[in-house]
């Protein structure tokens, strides 16, 4: 279970990593448009926007179980960060992702290993 301290840590992380405000719900639509079946395979749930700084959702994938946090950087490309259910950052952060590649990158991190 995530403690309040860990939640505050994630909020601080988002404040540090966010570069540009964006509409996270549009990003969610872009992810579903990329491949809605893959999103279902991830067990994606609990979608939330953190102000207009990040899109956060939980996954229960083959490779990762926990939180996916998406931020928008100064180059208008996305960064994807992974956190476990305890609120600790895990795995690698993928940066500079164009919207049309977002679903593929998330799938590689969460569900399907690279070949």
C-alpha atoms as a PDB file:
ATOM      1  CA  UNK A   1       0.000   0.000   0.000  1.00  0.00           C
ATOM      2  CA  UNK A   2       1.287   3.427  -0.899  1.00  0.00           C
ATOM      3  CA  UNK A   3       1.960   5.732   2.009  1.00  0.00           C
ATOM      4  CA  UNK A   4       1.198   9.428   1.981  1.00  0.00           C
ATOM      5  CA  UNK A   5       4.956  10.039   1.884  1.00  0.00           C
ATOM      6  CA  UNK A   6       5.285   7.950  -1.301  1.00  0.00           C
ATOM      7  CA  UNK A   7       2.298   9.735  -2.872  1.00  0.00           C
ATOM      8  CA  UNK A   8       3.931  13.054  -2.072  1.00  0.00           C
ATOM      9  CA  UNK A   9       7.116  11.716  -3.643  1.00  0.00           C
ATOM     10  CA  UNK A  10       5.270  10.926  -6.891  1.00  0.00           C
ATOM     11  CA  UNK A  11       3.680  14.380  -6.855  1.00  0.00           C
ATOM     12  CA  UNK A  12       7.115  15.959  -6.372  1.00  0.00           C
ATOM     13  CA  UNK A  13       8.474  13.805  -9.213  1.00  0.00           C
ATOM     14  CA  UNK A  14       5.720  15.053 -11.527  1.00  0.00           C
ATOM     15  CA  UNK A  15       6.396  18.668 -10.572  1.00  0.00           C
ATOM     16  CA  UNK A  16      10.072  18.139 -11.347  1.00  0.00           C
ATOM     17  CA  UNK A  17       9.581  16.284 -14.648  1.00  0.00           C
ATOM     18  CA  UNK A  18       6.728  18.225 -16.162  1.00  0.00           C
ATOM     19  CA  UNK A  19       7.804  20.791 -18.679  1.00  0.00           C
ATOM     20  CA  UNK A  20       4.635  21.772 -20.453  1.00  0.00           C
ATOM     21  CA  UNK A  21       0.997  21.692 -19.559  1.00  0.00           C
ATOM     22  CA  UNK A  22      -1.181  19.494 -21.761  1.00  0.00           C
ATOM     23  CA  UNK A  23      -4.602  17.889 -21.782  1.00  0.00           C
ATOM     24  CA  UNK A  24      -4.027  14.372 -20.412  1.00  0.00           C
ATOM     25  CA  UNK A  25      -7.435  13.202 -21.601  1.00  0.00           C
ATOM     26  CA  UNK A  26      -6.426  13.871 -25.211  1.00  0.00           C
ATOM     27  CA  UNK A  27      -3.309  11.805 -24.561  1.00  0.00           C
ATOM     28  CA  UNK A  28      -5.509   9.007 -23.212  1.00  0.00           C
ATOM     29  CA  UNK A  29      -7.577   9.143 -26.418  1.00  0.00           C
ATOM     30  CA  UNK A  30      -4.370   8.946 -28.481  1.00  0.00           C
ATOM     31  CA  UNK A  31      -3.273   5.863 -26.556  1.00  0.00           C
ATOM     32  CA  UNK A  32      -6.630   4.128 -27.116  1.00  0.00           C
ATOM     33  CA  UNK A  33      -6.588   5.117 -30.799  1.00  0.00           C
ATOM     34  CA  UNK A  34      -3.146   3.527 -31.130  1.00  0.00           C
ATOM     35  CA  UNK A  35      -4.430   0.078 -30.141  1.00  0.00           C
ATOM     36  CA  UNK A  36      -7.295  -0.276 -27.680  1.00  0.00           C
ATOM     37  CA  UNK A  37      -6.810  -4.065 -27.460  1.00  0.00           C
ATOM     38  CA  UNK A  38      -3.284  -3.575 -26.151  1.00  0.00           C
ATOM     39  CA  UNK A  39      -4.550  -1.120 -23.545  1.00  0.00           C
ATOM     40  CA  UNK A  40      -7.004  -3.779 -22.379  1.00  0.00           C
ATOM     41  CA  UNK A  41      -4.188  -6.362 -22.199  1.00  0.00           C
ATOM     42  CA  UNK A  42      -2.243  -4.050 -19.889  1.00  0.00           C
ATOM     43  CA  UNK A  43      -5.181  -4.013 -17.485  1.00  0.00           C
ATOM     44  CA  UNK A  44      -5.048  -0.216 -17.666  1.00  0.00           C
ATOM     45  CA  UNK A  45      -7.267   1.328 -15.008  1.00  0.00           C
ATOM     46  CA  UNK A  46      -7.626   4.245 -12.610  1.00  0.00           C
ATOM     47  CA  UNK A  47      -6.829   6.898 -15.212  1.00  0.00           C
ATOM     48  CA  UNK A  48      -6.157  10.265 -13.618  1.00  0.00           C
ATOM     49  CA  UNK A  49      -4.890  13.643 -14.655  1.00  0.00           C
ATOM     50  CA  UNK A  50      -2.563  15.437 -12.284  1.00  0.00           C
ATOM     51  CA  UNK A  51      -3.523  19.038 -12.935  1.00  0.00           C
ATOM     52  CA  UNK A  52      -2.488  19.448 -16.563  1.00  0.00           C
ATOM     53  CA  UNK A  53       1.001  18.156 -15.805  1.00  0.00           C
ATOM     54  CA  UNK A  54       0.693  14.373 -16.131  1.00  0.00           C
ATOM     55  CA  UNK A  55      -1.473  11.432 -17.080  1.00  0.00           C
ATOM     56  CA  UNK A  56      -1.294   8.606 -14.540  1.00  0.00           C
ATOM     57  CA  UNK A  57      -2.835   5.141 -14.730  1.00  0.00           C
ATOM     58  CA  UNK A  58      -2.299   1.701 -13.254  1.00  0.00           C
ATOM     59  CA  UNK A  59      -1.385  -1.383 -15.240  1.00  0.00           C
ATOM     60  CA  UNK A  60      -1.233  -5.091 -14.517  1.00  0.00           C
ATOM     61  CA  UNK A  61       0.975  -6.155 -17.398  1.00  0.00           C
ATOM     62  CA  UNK A  62       3.284  -9.101 -17.944  1.00  0.00           C
ATOM     63  CA  UNK A  63       6.430  -6.979 -17.492  1.00  0.00           C
ATOM     64  CA  UNK A  64       5.219  -4.211 -15.191  1.00  0.00           C
ATOM     65  CA  UNK A  65       2.563  -3.936 -12.511  1.00  0.00           C
ATOM     66  CA  UNK A  66       2.074  -0.494 -11.037  1.00  0.00           C
ATOM     67  CA  UNK A  67       1.791   3.059 -12.284  1.00  0.00           C
ATOM     68  CA  UNK A  68       2.544   4.568 -15.673  1.00  0.00           C
ATOM     69  CA  UNK A  69       3.144   8.322 -15.580  1.00  0.00           C
ATOM     70  CA  UNK A  70       3.228  10.325 -18.802  1.00  0.00           C
ATOM     71  CA  UNK A  71       4.564  13.881 -18.970  1.00  0.00           C
ATOM     72  CA  UNK A  72       5.077  16.272 -21.893  1.00  0.00           C
ATOM     73  CA  UNK A  73       8.512  17.774 -22.373  1.00  0.00           C
ATOM     74  CA  UNK A  74       9.671  21.031 -23.972  1.00  0.00           C
ATOM     75  CA  UNK A  75      10.007  19.404 -27.403  1.00  0.00           C
ATOM     76  CA  UNK A  76       6.302  18.473 -27.399  1.00  0.00           C
ATOM     77  CA  UNK A  77       7.145  14.807 -27.083  1.00  0.00           C
ATOM     78  CA  UNK A  78       6.131  12.511 -24.255  1.00  0.00           C
ATOM     79  CA  UNK A  79       8.178  10.935 -21.486  1.00  0.00           C
ATOM     80  CA  UNK A  80       6.969   7.682 -19.884  1.00  0.00           C
ATOM     81  CA  UNK A  81       7.924   6.787 -16.307  1.00  0.00           C
ATOM     82  CA  UNK A  82       7.155   3.592 -14.362  1.00  0.00           C
ATOM     83  CA  UNK A  83       6.447   3.344 -10.637  1.00  0.00           C
ATOM     84  CA  UNK A  84       5.568   0.293  -8.574  1.00  0.00           C
ATOM     85  CA  UNK A  85       2.509   0.117  -6.311  1.00  0.00           C
ATOM     86  CA  UNK A  86       4.614   1.316  -3.382  1.00  0.00           C
ATOM     87  CA  UNK A  87       5.390   4.550  -5.218  1.00  0.00           C
ATOM     88  CA  UNK A  88       9.031   3.797  -6.082  1.00  0.00           C
ATOM     89  CA  UNK A  89      10.334   4.538  -9.568  1.00  0.00           C
ATOM     90  CA  UNK A  90      11.312   1.335 -11.361  1.00  0.00           C
ATOM     91  CA  UNK A  91      12.567   0.352 -14.786  1.00  0.00           C
ATOM     92  CA  UNK A  92      13.739   2.739 -17.400  1.00  0.00           C
ATOM     93  CA  UNK A  93      12.224   6.062 -18.394  1.00  0.00           C
ATOM     94  CA  UNK A  94      11.527   6.455 -22.088  1.00  0.00           C
ATOM     95  CA  UNK A  95      11.846  10.003 -23.397  1.00  0.00           C
ATOM     96  CA  UNK A  96      11.094  11.976 -26.559  1.00  0.00           C
ATOM     97  CA  UNK A  97       8.180   9.820 -27.724  1.00  0.00           C
ATOM     98  CA  UNK A  98       5.915  11.144 -30.452  1.00  0.00           C
ATOM     99  CA  UNK A  99       2.193  10.610 -29.884  1.00  0.00           C
ATOM    100  CA  UNK A 100       1.880   8.062 -32.688  1.00  0.00           C
ATOM    101  CA  UNK A 101       4.532   5.839 -31.011  1.00  0.00           C
ATOM    102  CA  UNK A 102       3.229   6.200 -27.464  1.00  0.00           C
ATOM    103  CA  UNK A 103       1.135   3.014 -27.373  1.00  0.00           C
ATOM    104  CA  UNK A 104       4.029   0.950 -28.783  1.00  0.00           C
ATOM    105  CA  UNK A 105       6.530   2.263 -26.249  1.00  0.00           C
ATOM    106  CA  UNK A 106       4.161   1.682 -23.336  1.00  0.00           C
ATOM    107  CA  UNK A 107       3.485  -1.847 -24.591  1.00  0.00           C
ATOM    108  CA  UNK A 108       7.223  -2.605 -24.656  1.00  0.00           C
ATOM    109  CA  UNK A 109       7.539  -1.381 -21.077  1.00  0.00           C
ATOM    110  CA  UNK A 110       4.405  -3.022 -19.688  1.00  0.00           C
ATOM    111  CA  UNK A 111       3.436  -6.101 -21.656  1.00  0.00           C
ATOM    112  CA  UNK A 112       5.505  -7.302 -24.614  1.00  0.00           C
ATOM    113  CA  UNK A 113       9.299  -7.538 -24.420  1.00  0.00           C
ATOM    114  CA  UNK A 114      11.347  -6.355 -27.387  1.00  0.00           C
ATOM    115  CA  UNK A 115      12.354  -9.124 -29.767  1.00  0.00           C
END
